Amino acid sequence: MRIASKNGFFSIVQHRDDPEQVLVRARVKKDLAEIFPEDRILHTPEGDYHWRVFASKKEMGEILLRQMAELDYPNFKG
């Protein structure tokens, strides 16, 4: 799943070993730092997305729901 929001651009995939977890990936650290504490952000320079956070599906669902509730623009480009 790819999400483009006012907080940044993310790729979200299911964790390989734990179906209750997701891997939230970003190309720039700043995008993840907008929604996660710094100490949870992993640097993975060998990956296609250099910055990653592991989160539960429940936590990520709550984050996405909050972002939807805070949506305040009628046009993304504006």
C-alpha atoms as a PDB file:
ATOM      1  CA  MET A   1       0.000   0.000   0.000  1.00  0.00           C
ATOM      2  CA  ARG A   2       1.301   3.456  -0.824  1.00  0.00           C
ATOM      3  CA  ILE A   3       0.093   6.513   1.031  1.00  0.00           C
ATOM      4  CA  ALA A   4       0.704  10.103  -0.051  1.00  0.00           C
ATOM      5  CA  SER A   5      -0.320  12.458   2.722  1.00  0.00           C
ATOM      6  CA  LYS A   6       0.553  15.927   3.911  1.00  0.00           C
ATOM      7  CA  ASN A   7       2.912  14.173   6.362  1.00  0.00           C
ATOM      8  CA  GLY A   8       4.860  12.440   3.615  1.00  0.00           C
ATOM      9  CA  PHE A   9       4.966   9.448   1.280  1.00  0.00           C
ATOM     10  CA  PHE A  10       4.912   5.934   2.740  1.00  0.00           C
ATOM     11  CA  SER A  11       4.948   2.361   1.555  1.00  0.00           C
ATOM     12  CA  ILE A  12       3.242  -0.043   3.954  1.00  0.00           C
ATOM     13  CA  VAL A  13       3.657  -3.819   3.682  1.00  0.00           C
ATOM     14  CA  GLN A  14       2.874  -6.732   5.961  1.00  0.00           C
ATOM     15  CA  HIS A  15       5.739  -8.001   8.113  1.00  0.00           C
ATOM     16  CA  ARG A  16       7.216 -11.217   6.670  1.00  0.00           C
ATOM     17  CA  ASP A  17       7.048 -13.174   9.926  1.00  0.00           C
ATOM     18  CA  ASP A  18       4.239 -11.542  11.908  1.00  0.00           C
ATOM     19  CA  PRO A  19       0.875 -11.046  10.177  1.00  0.00           C
ATOM     20  CA  GLU A  20      -0.208  -8.582  12.896  1.00  0.00           C
ATOM     21  CA  GLN A  21       2.684  -6.229  12.105  1.00  0.00           C
ATOM     22  CA  VAL A  22       3.439  -3.931   9.193  1.00  0.00           C
ATOM     23  CA  LEU A  23       6.590  -2.341   7.920  1.00  0.00           C
ATOM     24  CA  VAL A  24       6.146   1.360   7.193  1.00  0.00           C
ATOM     25  CA  ARG A  25       8.823   2.519   4.777  1.00  0.00           C
ATOM     26  CA  ALA A  26       9.892   5.927   3.482  1.00  0.00           C
ATOM     27  CA  ARG A  27      12.609   7.238   1.216  1.00  0.00           C
ATOM     28  CA  VAL A  28      13.335  10.175   3.546  1.00  0.00           C
ATOM     29  CA  LYS A  29      13.502  10.042   7.345  1.00  0.00           C
ATOM     30  CA  LYS A  30      11.517  13.254   7.767  1.00  0.00           C
ATOM     31  CA  ASP A  31       8.358  11.576   6.450  1.00  0.00           C
ATOM     32  CA  LEU A  32       8.428   8.929   9.191  1.00  0.00           C
ATOM     33  CA  ALA A  33       9.519  11.437  11.849  1.00  0.00           C
ATOM     34  CA  GLU A  34       6.243  13.284  11.270  1.00  0.00           C
ATOM     35  CA  ILE A  35       4.256  10.387  12.747  1.00  0.00           C
ATOM     36  CA  PHE A  36       6.673   8.190  14.735  1.00  0.00           C
ATOM     37  CA  PRO A  37       9.175   8.906  17.526  1.00  0.00           C
ATOM     38  CA  GLU A  38      12.785   9.140  16.315  1.00  0.00           C
ATOM     39  CA  ASP A  39      13.904   6.154  18.395  1.00  0.00           C
ATOM     40  CA  ARG A  40      11.604   3.830  16.408  1.00  0.00           C
ATOM     41  CA  ILE A  41      12.955   4.810  12.992  1.00  0.00           C
ATOM     42  CA  LEU A  42      15.488   2.375  11.550  1.00  0.00           C
ATOM     43  CA  HIS A  43      18.024   3.307   8.878  1.00  0.00           C
ATOM     44  CA  THR A  44      18.345   0.579   6.240  1.00  0.00           C
ATOM     45  CA  PRO A  45      20.628   1.933   3.482  1.00  0.00           C
ATOM     46  CA  GLU A  46      20.689  -1.440   1.693  1.00  0.00           C
ATOM     47  CA  GLY A  47      16.915  -1.324   1.109  1.00  0.00           C
ATOM     48  CA  ASP A  48      14.978   0.477  -1.589  1.00  0.00           C
ATOM     49  CA  TYR A  49      13.372   2.549   1.179  1.00  0.00           C
ATOM     50  CA  HIS A  50      16.160   3.697   3.512  1.00  0.00           C
ATOM     51  CA  TRP A  51      13.938   4.447   6.519  1.00  0.00           C
ATOM     52  CA  ARG A  52      11.583   1.995   8.249  1.00  0.00           C
ATOM     53  CA  VAL A  53       9.347   1.551  11.264  1.00  0.00           C
ATOM     54  CA  PHE A  54       7.714  -1.635  12.517  1.00  0.00           C
ATOM     55  CA  ALA A  55       4.172  -1.079  13.801  1.00  0.00           C
ATOM     56  CA  SER A  56       1.147  -3.159  14.618  1.00  0.00           C
ATOM     57  CA  LYS A  57      -1.694  -3.115  12.116  1.00  0.00           C
ATOM     58  CA  LYS A  58      -3.864  -1.666  14.883  1.00  0.00           C
ATOM     59  CA  GLU A  59      -1.449   1.214  15.531  1.00  0.00           C
ATOM     60  CA  MET A  60      -1.066   1.994  11.833  1.00  0.00           C
ATOM     61  CA  GLY A  61      -4.828   1.846  11.365  1.00  0.00           C
ATOM     62  CA  GLU A  62      -5.270   4.383  14.170  1.00  0.00           C
ATOM     63  CA  ILE A  63      -2.652   6.667  12.599  1.00  0.00           C
ATOM     64  CA  LEU A  64      -4.347   6.515   9.191  1.00  0.00           C
ATOM     65  CA  LEU A  65      -7.767   7.071  10.751  1.00  0.00           C
ATOM     66  CA  ARG A  66      -6.445  10.132  12.617  1.00  0.00           C
ATOM     67  CA  GLN A  67      -4.955  11.505   9.397  1.00  0.00           C
ATOM     68  CA  MET A  68      -8.321  11.085   7.684  1.00  0.00           C
ATOM     69  CA  ALA A  69     -10.105  12.861  10.547  1.00  0.00           C
ATOM     70  CA  GLU A  70      -7.618  15.744  10.344  1.00  0.00           C
ATOM     71  CA  LEU A  71      -7.937  16.090   6.577  1.00  0.00           C
ATOM     72  CA  ASP A  72      -8.396  19.819   5.943  1.00  0.00           C
ATOM     73  CA  TYR A  73      -7.826  20.474   2.253  1.00  0.00           C
ATOM     74  CA  PRO A  74     -10.063  20.039  -0.811  1.00  0.00           C
ATOM     75  CA  ASN A  75      -7.156  19.758  -3.271  1.00  0.00           C
ATOM     76  CA  PHE A  76      -3.895  17.924  -2.517  1.00  0.00           C
ATOM     77  CA  LYS A  77      -1.825  20.072  -4.879  1.00  0.00           C
ATOM     78  CA  GLY A  78      -3.121  23.305  -3.281  1.00  0.00           C
END
